[in-house]
Amino acid sequence: MKRLIFVPSVCNITAGQVYSDRYHHLFSLLVENMGFELHYVSQVPVVNDAEIIIVYGPQHSWWDFGMPLLKINKNIPIIGYVADLWSWHVSPYEVNMPQMLNRYNVILSSCNYAFRTLYNEFMGKRVLFPNFYATKNRYDSIPFEKEKINKLLITGSCAGFFYPLRNHVLNGVPKANMDQLVATRETYDGDNYAKIISNYYCSLASSSIYNMAVTKYHEIAATGTLLIANNAEDVEMTGFKPNEHYVEINKENAVSKILDVLSNHEKYEHIRKAGMEYVRKNHSVNSRYEQLKTIINGLLKKW
């Protein structure tokens, strides 16, 4: 019987879509090593001859992507991978989501605090599936000793509502020193993204309003760049230890701490190295593949 993975078409990097490729690499490992078929579709088809199904989503605006799975034979186990929860409050997402979560036999989510807050009734079948970096070689091939630009790199959105700490740092650095201290980049560059991060001595990650360990925690540290970030429940659950794997900041000390980092590298080199070693050992796409393989085999054995 078939082992199937269904992913929204918008995520199909092989078709030139602008989207993170880390999920594609994860699912490709399942195709190569566990006999899965990977299908990019506009909506999950009703399939009743599968051994197991993995559904990526729904999230963002893909409200109806997974609804047909409600018609799939309940004797077929379904793993739902809910990567984030940004659109939980938008109708019809808020109506469809609980129905899909109810159908999933196992729910993978990188969110703990937010998932528990929004969907506590499904915590019994939710598995914490931390974010990760990909590919392993893309990041691990960057040497720790690489020469770096002495600036703080801020990537991604700085929208004040979703990322208040990023916004605070960007607006908190004295304008006269901005060009000398901070570099910003909103767009990703595929294979070059890791190299871009690695060019800078330190880079900022924040847990967002959902207090989750966003992927930047993993990507930044994996390059050997010093991770500067806030602590949160989800960050600790992912294994990150403040001031051991990253430099912990908050709104009150962010700017002064960043200035100190840029002025006193020797004080932070041990954190930079420990963070890189920890993430490369525990949070690559290979690590998540091994975790997912264990989940799949356990589910099939029980089924």
Protein backbone atom coordinates (compact mmCIF):
# COMPACT_ATOMS: atom_id res chain seq x y z
CA MET A 1 0.00 0.00 0.00
CA LYS A 2 1.08 3.56 -0.66
CA ARG A 3 2.70 5.92 1.79
CA LEU A 4 1.68 9.46 0.86
CA ILE A 5 2.71 13.02 1.70
CA PHE A 6 0.47 15.91 0.66
CA VAL A 7 1.87 19.44 0.65
CA PRO A 8 0.22 22.66 -0.61
CA SER A 9 1.26 23.57 -4.15
CA VAL A 10 2.46 26.97 -2.95
CA CYS A 11 5.32 25.17 -1.16
CA ASN A 12 6.62 23.45 -4.29
CA ILE A 13 10.14 24.84 -4.58
CA THR A 14 10.79 22.63 -7.62
CA ALA A 15 8.16 24.70 -9.43
CA GLY A 16 9.92 27.95 -8.58
CA GLN A 17 7.73 28.96 -5.66
CA VAL A 18 9.32 31.34 -3.14
CA TYR A 19 9.18 29.35 0.08
CA SER A 20 11.56 27.82 2.56
CA ASP A 21 13.02 24.62 1.15
CA ARG A 22 13.63 22.93 4.51
CA TYR A 23 10.29 21.09 4.44
CA HIS A 24 10.99 19.82 0.94
CA HIS A 25 14.31 18.40 2.13
CA LEU A 26 12.64 16.74 5.11
CA PHE A 27 9.95 15.11 3.00
CA SER A 28 12.53 14.10 0.39
CA LEU A 29 14.32 12.06 3.06
CA LEU A 30 11.08 10.18 3.66
CA VAL A 31 10.78 9.55 -0.08
CA GLU A 32 14.36 8.33 -0.37
CA ASN A 33 14.48 6.17 2.74
CA MET A 34 10.94 5.11 3.68
CA GLY A 35 9.12 4.67 0.39
CA PHE A 36 6.84 7.71 0.58
CA GLU A 37 5.38 9.53 -2.42
CA LEU A 38 5.51 13.35 -2.23
CA HIS A 39 2.60 15.20 -3.88
CA TYR A 40 2.17 18.97 -4.14
CA VAL A 41 -1.56 19.59 -4.46
CA SER A 42 -4.06 22.43 -4.20
CA GLN A 43 -6.20 20.30 -1.90
CA VAL A 44 -5.76 16.93 -0.20
CA PRO A 45 -7.42 14.25 -2.36
CA VAL A 46 -9.66 11.59 -0.88
CA VAL A 47 -7.48 8.47 -0.91
CA ASN A 48 -8.62 5.21 0.67
CA ASP A 49 -5.87 2.80 -0.41
CA ALA A 50 -2.93 4.20 1.57
CA GLU A 51 -0.96 2.65 4.40
CA ILE A 52 -0.30 6.04 5.99
CA ILE A 53 -0.73 9.71 5.03
CA ILE A 54 1.23 12.80 6.10
CA VAL A 55 -0.44 16.18 5.57
CA TYR A 56 1.56 19.39 5.81
CA GLY A 57 -0.68 22.21 7.01
CA PRO A 58 -3.05 23.89 7.09
CA GLN A 59 -1.74 27.31 8.00
CA HIS A 60 -1.73 30.88 6.72
CA SER A 61 -4.39 31.17 3.99
CA TRP A 62 -4.67 27.47 3.09
CA TRP A 63 -7.96 27.18 4.91
CA ASP A 64 -9.55 24.42 2.83
CA PHE A 65 -6.41 22.51 1.91
CA GLY A 66 -6.97 19.60 4.27
CA MET A 67 -10.75 19.46 4.59
CA PRO A 68 -11.22 16.45 2.22
CA LEU A 69 -9.22 14.32 4.65
CA LEU A 70 -12.39 14.19 6.77
CA LYS A 71 -13.73 11.81 4.12
CA ILE A 72 -10.72 9.49 4.21
CA ASN A 73 -11.25 6.07 5.77
CA LYS A 74 -10.57 6.33 9.50
CA ASN A 75 -8.64 3.06 9.35
CA ILE A 76 -5.87 4.97 7.57
CA PRO A 77 -3.57 6.78 10.03
CA ILE A 78 -2.90 10.43 9.23
CA ILE A 79 -0.06 12.54 10.61
CA GLY A 80 -0.75 16.27 10.50
CA TYR A 81 2.26 18.59 10.43
CA VAL A 82 1.11 22.03 11.60
CA ALA A 83 4.23 24.14 11.25
CA ASP A 84 2.82 27.35 12.72
CA LEU A 85 -0.45 28.92 13.84
CA TRP A 86 -0.38 32.45 12.45
CA SER A 87 -3.92 32.48 11.05
CA TRP A 88 -5.77 30.74 13.88
CA HIS A 89 -8.11 33.70 14.37
CA VAL A 90 -9.22 34.05 10.72
CA SER A 91 -12.51 32.58 9.56
CA PRO A 92 -12.95 29.96 8.08
CA TYR A 93 -9.55 28.81 9.39
CA GLU A 94 -10.78 28.89 12.99
CA VAL A 95 -13.70 26.64 11.97
CA ASN A 96 -11.79 24.20 9.76
CA MET A 97 -8.70 23.79 11.91
CA PRO A 98 -10.28 21.93 14.87
CA GLN A 99 -11.99 19.53 12.46
CA MET A 100 -8.70 18.66 10.80
CA LEU A 101 -6.85 18.37 14.11
CA ASN A 102 -9.56 16.02 15.29
CA ARG A 103 -9.00 13.75 12.27
CA TYR A 104 -5.22 13.61 12.64
CA ASN A 105 -3.96 10.62 14.60
CA VAL A 106 -0.68 12.37 15.41
CA ILE A 107 -0.11 16.12 15.29
CA LEU A 108 3.38 17.52 14.76
CA SER A 109 3.84 21.12 15.86
CA SER A 110 6.83 23.34 16.57
CA CYS A 111 4.61 25.37 18.90
CA ASN A 112 4.02 24.36 22.50
CA TYR A 113 2.69 27.40 24.35
CA ALA A 114 0.55 28.62 21.44
CA PHE A 115 -0.79 25.17 20.57
CA ARG A 116 -1.67 24.46 24.20
CA THR A 117 -3.38 27.84 24.49
CA LEU A 118 -5.40 27.48 21.29
CA TYR A 119 -6.02 23.75 21.03
CA ASN A 120 -5.49 22.27 24.46
CA GLU A 121 -8.05 19.51 23.78
CA PHE A 122 -5.65 18.04 21.19
CA MET A 123 -2.49 18.10 23.31
CA GLY A 124 -2.82 14.36 23.96
CA LYS A 125 -1.86 13.54 20.38
CA ARG A 126 0.42 16.50 19.71
CA VAL A 127 4.16 15.85 19.47
CA LEU A 128 6.63 18.71 19.86
CA PHE A 129 8.46 18.76 16.53
CA PRO A 130 11.00 21.58 16.76
CA ASN A 131 12.00 23.74 13.84
CA PHE A 132 15.24 22.87 12.05
CA TYR A 133 17.76 24.01 9.48
CA ALA A 134 18.40 22.45 6.08
CA THR A 135 20.39 21.14 4.49
CA LYS A 136 22.91 19.86 6.99
CA ASN A 137 25.81 20.28 4.59
CA ARG A 138 24.69 23.78 3.59
CA TYR A 139 25.18 24.97 7.17
CA ASP A 140 27.69 22.53 8.66
CA SER A 141 30.25 23.23 5.94
CA ILE A 142 30.63 26.83 7.19
CA PRO A 143 33.75 27.00 9.37
CA PHE A 144 33.50 28.47 12.86
CA GLU A 145 36.65 30.52 12.19
CA LYS A 146 35.12 32.35 9.22
CA GLU A 147 35.89 36.07 9.22
CA LYS A 148 32.77 38.08 10.03
CA ILE A 149 31.38 41.58 9.65
CA ASN A 150 31.06 43.22 13.05
CA LYS A 151 27.36 43.99 12.83
CA LEU A 152 24.07 42.62 14.07
CA LEU A 153 22.07 41.05 11.24
CA ILE A 154 18.27 41.29 11.39
CA THR A 155 16.39 39.21 8.84
CA GLY A 156 12.71 38.71 8.16
CA SER A 157 9.73 40.81 9.11
CA CYS A 158 10.04 43.46 11.80
CA ALA A 159 6.28 43.94 12.06
CA GLY A 160 5.61 45.26 15.54
CA PHE A 161 2.56 43.09 16.16
CA PHE A 162 4.07 39.68 15.42
CA TYR A 163 7.71 40.44 16.25
CA PRO A 164 7.77 43.16 18.90
CA LEU A 165 11.36 42.47 20.00
CA ARG A 166 12.77 42.72 16.47
CA ASN A 167 10.87 45.95 16.01
CA HIS A 168 12.10 47.26 19.37
CA VAL A 169 15.75 46.56 18.53
CA LEU A 170 15.49 48.08 15.08
CA ASN A 171 13.98 51.25 16.52
CA GLY A 172 16.10 51.26 19.67
CA VAL A 173 19.54 51.50 18.13
CA PRO A 174 20.64 55.15 17.92
CA LYS A 175 19.99 56.36 14.38
CA ALA A 176 23.47 57.82 14.13
CA ASN A 177 24.95 54.36 14.70
CA MET A 178 22.48 52.32 12.67
CA ASP A 179 24.62 51.80 9.56
CA GLN A 180 27.66 50.92 11.63
CA LEU A 181 25.89 48.45 13.91
CA VAL A 182 22.93 46.85 12.13
CA ALA A 183 22.34 45.18 8.78
CA THR A 184 18.82 44.23 7.69
CA ARG A 185 17.60 41.85 5.04
CA GLU A 186 13.96 40.95 4.54
CA THR A 187 14.28 38.43 1.72
CA TYR A 188 15.79 34.96 1.69
CA ASP A 189 18.18 33.73 -0.95
CA GLY A 190 17.88 29.95 -0.99
CA ASP A 191 21.33 28.36 -0.92
CA ASN A 192 22.89 31.72 -0.14
CA TYR A 193 20.82 32.33 3.00
CA ALA A 194 23.18 30.44 5.31
CA LYS A 195 26.15 32.27 3.81
CA ILE A 196 24.45 35.62 4.35
CA ILE A 197 23.85 34.88 8.03
CA SER A 198 27.38 33.58 8.48
CA ASN A 199 28.87 36.84 7.18
CA TYR A 200 27.88 38.66 10.39
CA TYR A 201 29.18 38.27 13.91
CA CYS A 202 25.73 38.12 15.49
CA SER A 203 22.11 37.92 14.42
CA LEU A 204 18.76 38.44 16.11
CA ALA A 205 15.95 35.93 16.63
CA SER A 206 12.78 36.52 18.62
CA SER A 207 10.07 34.13 19.73
CA SER A 208 7.25 36.26 18.27
CA ILE A 209 3.93 36.85 20.00
CA TYR A 210 3.44 33.05 20.07
CA ASN A 211 6.54 32.45 22.23
CA MET A 212 7.85 29.80 19.84
CA ALA A 213 11.41 28.86 18.90
CA VAL A 214 11.21 30.15 15.33
CA THR A 215 13.56 28.68 12.74
CA LYS A 216 15.97 31.59 13.02
CA TYR A 217 17.09 30.26 16.40
CA HIS A 218 18.38 27.18 14.61
CA GLU A 219 19.60 28.75 11.38
CA ILE A 220 21.63 31.50 13.01
CA ALA A 221 23.42 29.28 15.51
CA ALA A 222 24.05 26.57 12.89
CA THR A 223 26.13 28.97 10.79
CA GLY A 224 28.48 29.76 13.68
CA THR A 225 27.07 33.26 14.00
CA LEU A 226 26.31 34.34 17.56
CA LEU A 227 22.60 33.99 18.29
CA ILE A 228 21.06 36.91 20.16
CA ALA A 229 17.51 36.17 21.26
CA ASN A 230 14.90 36.26 23.98
CA ASN A 231 14.06 33.28 26.14
CA ALA A 232 10.62 31.64 26.19
CA GLU A 233 8.99 28.41 27.31
CA ASP A 234 9.20 26.89 23.83
CA VAL A 235 12.84 27.93 23.45
CA GLU A 236 13.75 26.07 26.63
CA MET A 237 11.72 23.02 25.58
CA THR A 238 13.73 22.92 22.37
CA GLY A 239 16.87 22.64 24.52
CA PHE A 240 18.36 26.11 24.12
CA LYS A 241 19.99 27.36 27.31
CA PRO A 242 20.27 31.13 27.77
CA ASN A 243 23.81 32.52 27.89
CA GLU A 244 25.15 29.07 27.08
CA HIS A 245 23.82 28.55 23.55
CA TYR A 246 22.74 32.13 22.87
CA VAL A 247 22.95 35.62 24.38
CA GLU A 248 19.67 36.30 26.13
CA ILE A 249 18.10 39.74 25.72
CA ASN A 250 14.82 41.46 26.49
CA LYS A 251 13.37 44.86 25.67
CA GLU A 252 15.07 46.47 28.64
CA ASN A 253 18.64 45.38 27.90
CA ALA A 254 18.58 44.55 24.18
CA VAL A 255 20.41 47.56 22.79
CA SER A 256 23.05 47.75 25.54
CA LYS A 257 23.70 44.00 25.29
CA ILE A 258 24.08 44.14 21.51
CA LEU A 259 26.52 47.05 21.81
CA ASP A 260 28.54 45.05 24.34
CA VAL A 261 28.61 41.99 22.07
CA LEU A 262 29.91 44.03 19.14
CA SER A 263 32.58 45.63 21.32
CA ASN A 264 33.75 42.56 23.26
CA HIS A 265 33.84 39.45 21.09
CA GLU A 266 36.10 37.58 23.49
CA LYS A 267 33.36 37.55 26.16
CA TYR A 268 30.97 35.73 23.85
CA GLU A 269 33.08 33.36 21.76
CA HIS A 270 32.32 30.38 24.01
CA ILE A 271 28.57 31.00 23.57
CA ARG A 272 28.92 31.31 19.82
CA LYS A 273 30.75 27.98 19.60
CA ALA A 274 28.50 26.13 22.07
CA GLY A 275 25.39 27.31 20.24
CA MET A 276 26.73 26.14 16.90
CA GLU A 277 27.73 22.73 18.26
CA TYR A 278 24.41 22.21 20.04
CA VAL A 279 22.24 23.05 17.05
CA ARG A 280 24.31 21.10 14.55
CA LYS A 281 24.05 18.04 16.78
CA ASN A 282 20.33 18.29 17.57
CA HIS A 283 18.37 20.42 15.11
CA SER A 284 19.31 19.71 11.51
CA VAL A 285 16.86 18.30 8.98
CA ASN A 286 18.52 14.95 9.62
CA SER A 287 17.58 15.15 13.31
CA ARG A 288 13.94 15.85 12.45
CA TYR A 289 13.94 13.02 9.92
CA GLU A 290 15.09 10.58 12.60
CA GLN A 291 12.40 11.88 14.96
CA LEU A 292 9.71 11.58 12.29
CA LYS A 293 10.87 8.11 11.28
CA THR A 294 10.45 6.97 14.89
CA ILE A 295 6.96 8.51 15.03
CA ILE A 296 5.91 6.84 11.76
CA ASN A 297 7.22 3.41 12.72
CA GLY A 298 5.61 3.66 16.16
CA LEU A 299 2.25 4.64 14.67
CA LEU A 300 2.30 1.85 12.10
CA LYS A 301 3.31 -0.72 14.69
CA LYS A 302 0.43 0.34 16.92
CA TRP A 303 -1.99 0.51 14.00
